[in-house]
Protein backbone atom coordinates (compact mmCIF):
# COMPACT_ATOMS: atom_id res chain seq x y z
CA UNK A 1 -12.82 9.77 -17.87
CA UNK A 2 -11.16 6.40 -18.22
CA UNK A 3 -8.36 6.08 -20.78
CA UNK A 4 -8.25 2.28 -20.95
CA UNK A 5 -9.69 -0.60 -18.99
CA UNK A 6 -6.73 -2.40 -17.42
CA UNK A 7 -9.06 -5.10 -16.06
CA UNK A 8 -9.79 -6.22 -19.62
CA UNK A 9 -6.12 -7.18 -19.94
CA UNK A 10 -6.24 -9.78 -17.18
CA UNK A 11 -3.65 -12.02 -18.84
CA UNK A 12 -1.07 -9.24 -18.88
CA UNK A 13 -1.86 -8.32 -15.28
CA UNK A 14 -2.06 -11.92 -14.02
CA UNK A 15 1.38 -11.84 -12.33
CA UNK A 16 0.30 -8.77 -10.33
CA UNK A 17 -2.99 -10.40 -9.30
CA UNK A 18 -1.12 -13.57 -8.31
CA UNK A 19 1.34 -11.60 -6.18
CA UNK A 20 -1.56 -9.72 -4.56
CA UNK A 21 -3.21 -13.03 -3.68
CA UNK A 22 0.04 -14.43 -2.28
CA UNK A 23 0.58 -11.36 -0.10
CA UNK A 24 -3.01 -11.45 1.21
CA UNK A 25 -2.35 -15.05 2.30
CA UNK A 26 0.93 -14.07 3.98
CA UNK A 27 1.75 -13.19 7.56
CA UNK A 28 1.18 -9.43 7.46
CA UNK A 29 -1.99 -8.30 9.16
CA UNK A 30 -4.75 -7.13 6.76
CA UNK A 31 -5.12 -3.75 8.52
CA UNK A 32 -1.36 -3.15 8.29
CA UNK A 33 -1.31 -4.02 4.59
CA UNK A 34 -4.23 -1.68 3.93
CA UNK A 35 -2.65 1.19 5.89
CA UNK A 36 0.56 0.81 3.89
CA UNK A 37 -1.30 0.62 0.58
CA UNK A 38 -3.42 3.64 1.50
CA UNK A 39 -0.39 5.70 2.52
CA UNK A 40 1.58 4.88 -0.64
CA UNK A 41 -1.48 5.68 -2.76
CA UNK A 42 -1.80 9.04 -0.96
CA UNK A 43 1.84 9.86 -1.71
CA UNK A 44 1.39 8.93 -5.38
CA UNK A 45 -1.97 10.69 -5.71
CA UNK A 46 -3.84 7.64 -6.98
CA UNK A 47 -7.53 8.33 -6.35
CA UNK A 48 -8.67 4.88 -7.50
CA UNK A 49 -6.31 3.10 -5.09
CA UNK A 50 -7.12 5.47 -2.22
CA UNK A 51 -10.82 4.72 -2.70
CA UNK A 52 -10.13 0.97 -2.89
CA UNK A 53 -7.78 0.70 0.08
CA UNK A 54 -9.80 3.07 2.23
CA UNK A 55 -12.81 0.78 1.74
CA UNK A 56 -10.77 -2.39 2.23
CA UNK A 57 -9.20 -0.94 5.38
CA UNK A 58 -12.62 -0.14 6.84
CA UNK A 59 -13.81 -3.66 5.95
CA UNK A 60 -10.75 -5.02 7.80
CA UNK A 61 -11.76 -3.03 10.90
CA UNK A 62 -9.73 0.14 10.45
CA UNK A 63 -11.15 3.29 12.04
CA UNK A 64 -12.11 6.50 10.29
CA UNK A 65 -9.89 8.49 12.65
CA UNK A 66 -6.73 6.56 11.76
CA UNK A 67 -7.48 6.79 8.03
CA UNK A 68 -8.14 10.54 8.21
CA UNK A 69 -4.92 11.21 10.10
CA UNK A 70 -2.75 8.78 8.11
CA UNK A 71 -0.80 11.50 6.21
CA UNK A 72 0.36 12.81 9.63
CA UNK A 73 0.98 9.42 11.25
CA UNK A 74 4.25 10.60 12.82
CA UNK A 75 2.39 13.15 14.96
CA UNK A 76 -0.56 10.94 15.90
CA UNK A 77 -0.46 8.76 19.03
CA UNK A 78 -2.66 5.94 17.78
CA UNK A 79 -0.34 3.98 15.48
CA UNK A 80 1.68 1.10 16.93
CA UNK A 81 5.46 0.85 16.67
CA UNK A 82 5.01 -1.91 14.11
CA UNK A 83 2.71 0.29 12.02
CA UNK A 84 5.11 3.23 12.33
CA UNK A 85 8.00 1.07 11.12
CA UNK A 86 5.91 -0.19 8.19
CA UNK A 87 4.77 3.31 7.22
CA UNK A 88 8.30 4.71 7.43
CA UNK A 89 9.60 1.82 5.30
CA UNK A 90 6.80 2.32 2.76
CA UNK A 91 7.42 6.05 2.49
CA UNK A 92 11.16 5.59 2.07
CA UNK A 93 10.74 3.03 -0.72
CA UNK A 94 8.05 5.10 -2.45
CA UNK A 95 9.99 8.35 -2.32
CA UNK A 96 13.27 7.07 -3.76
CA UNK A 97 14.72 9.65 -6.12
CA UNK A 98 17.48 9.59 -8.71
CA UNK A 99 19.64 11.50 -6.22
CA UNK A 100 18.82 9.42 -3.15
CA UNK A 101 18.41 5.78 -4.10
CA UNK A 102 18.92 4.19 -0.72
CA UNK A 103 17.04 3.43 2.45
CA UNK A 104 19.01 4.49 5.54
CA UNK A 105 20.44 1.72 7.71
CA UNK A 106 18.67 3.25 10.72
CA UNK A 107 15.30 2.82 9.00
CA UNK A 108 16.17 -0.77 8.07
CA UNK A 109 17.07 -1.51 11.71
CA UNK A 110 13.79 0.05 12.87
CA UNK A 111 11.87 -2.16 10.43
CA UNK A 112 13.83 -5.30 11.41
CA UNK A 113 13.01 -4.66 15.06
CA UNK A 114 9.32 -5.04 14.16
CA UNK A 115 9.37 -7.54 11.28
CA UNK A 116 11.18 -10.80 10.76
CA UNK A 117 13.00 -11.24 7.46
CA UNK A 118 10.05 -12.93 5.67
CA UNK A 119 7.65 -10.24 6.87
CA UNK A 120 10.03 -7.50 5.72
CA UNK A 121 10.28 -9.10 2.29
CA UNK A 122 6.47 -9.30 2.15
CA UNK A 123 6.17 -5.69 3.31
CA UNK A 124 8.63 -4.61 0.63
CA UNK A 125 6.58 -6.51 -1.97
CA UNK A 126 3.36 -4.86 -0.74
CA UNK A 127 5.01 -1.45 -1.18
CA UNK A 128 6.44 -2.16 -4.62
CA UNK A 129 3.19 -3.76 -5.80
CA UNK A 130 0.98 -0.86 -4.72
CA UNK A 131 3.42 1.55 -6.40
CA UNK A 132 2.95 -0.50 -9.59
CA UNK A 133 -0.85 -0.50 -9.27
CA UNK A 134 -0.79 3.24 -8.58
CA UNK A 135 1.08 3.87 -11.80
CA UNK A 136 -1.22 1.61 -13.82
CA UNK A 137 -4.32 3.31 -12.43
CA UNK A 138 -2.91 6.81 -12.81
CA UNK A 139 -2.20 5.99 -16.47
CA UNK A 140 -5.56 4.26 -17.07
CA UNK A 141 -7.72 6.74 -15.14
CA UNK A 142 -10.46 4.26 -14.17
CA UNK A 143 -13.71 5.59 -12.76
CA UNK A 144 -13.30 6.26 -9.03
CA UNK A 145 -15.90 5.39 -6.44
CA UNK A 146 -17.53 2.15 -7.57
CA UNK A 147 -15.09 -0.22 -5.86
CA UNK A 148 -16.63 -2.66 -3.35
CA UNK A 149 -14.49 -4.14 -0.55
CA UNK A 150 -12.86 -7.39 -1.61
CA UNK A 151 -13.91 -6.93 -5.25
CA UNK A 152 -10.58 -8.20 -6.62
CA UNK A 153 -9.86 -10.91 -4.03
C-alpha cells in the first residue's frame, strides 16, 4: 500500500524531472540508460523502478533475454564492452559504503575507454538520479504495475 503520492509534490520534485529530461536528450543511448537504471533498481530492490525501467527498456527495443540475465551480466556474452563498462560503473557508484567510498582507478579507466568525458558525467548523473528515485519510491511505496512506457517523459 502506498504511503504517500510523490507525484502530487511535483514542485518539490521538479529538479529531478528536469534532470531526467536533460539526460534523455543527452548522448547516451536509450537502451543503455534503461539497462543502467534497471540494474541499479535491482540492486536497491525498488519494485516500482524495476517495473518502470523494464517496460521502458522493452519500448526502447531491449530484449527479454538481456533483461532477465541482467543481474549476471558479467557471465553473459550478449552485453557490449560499452554496456559492461556502464554497468560496472553503475554498480560501483551504487554500492559505495562508509568503509569503501571510492571507485577504483581501473574501473574509471575502463569507463573512460568507452565514454568521453561528457558521456561519463551523464552516465554518473543517470546512476545518481536513479538511486535518488529508488529511495523516493522505496519510501513512498507507490502501487507497482500500472506504469506505461514513457508515462513521465
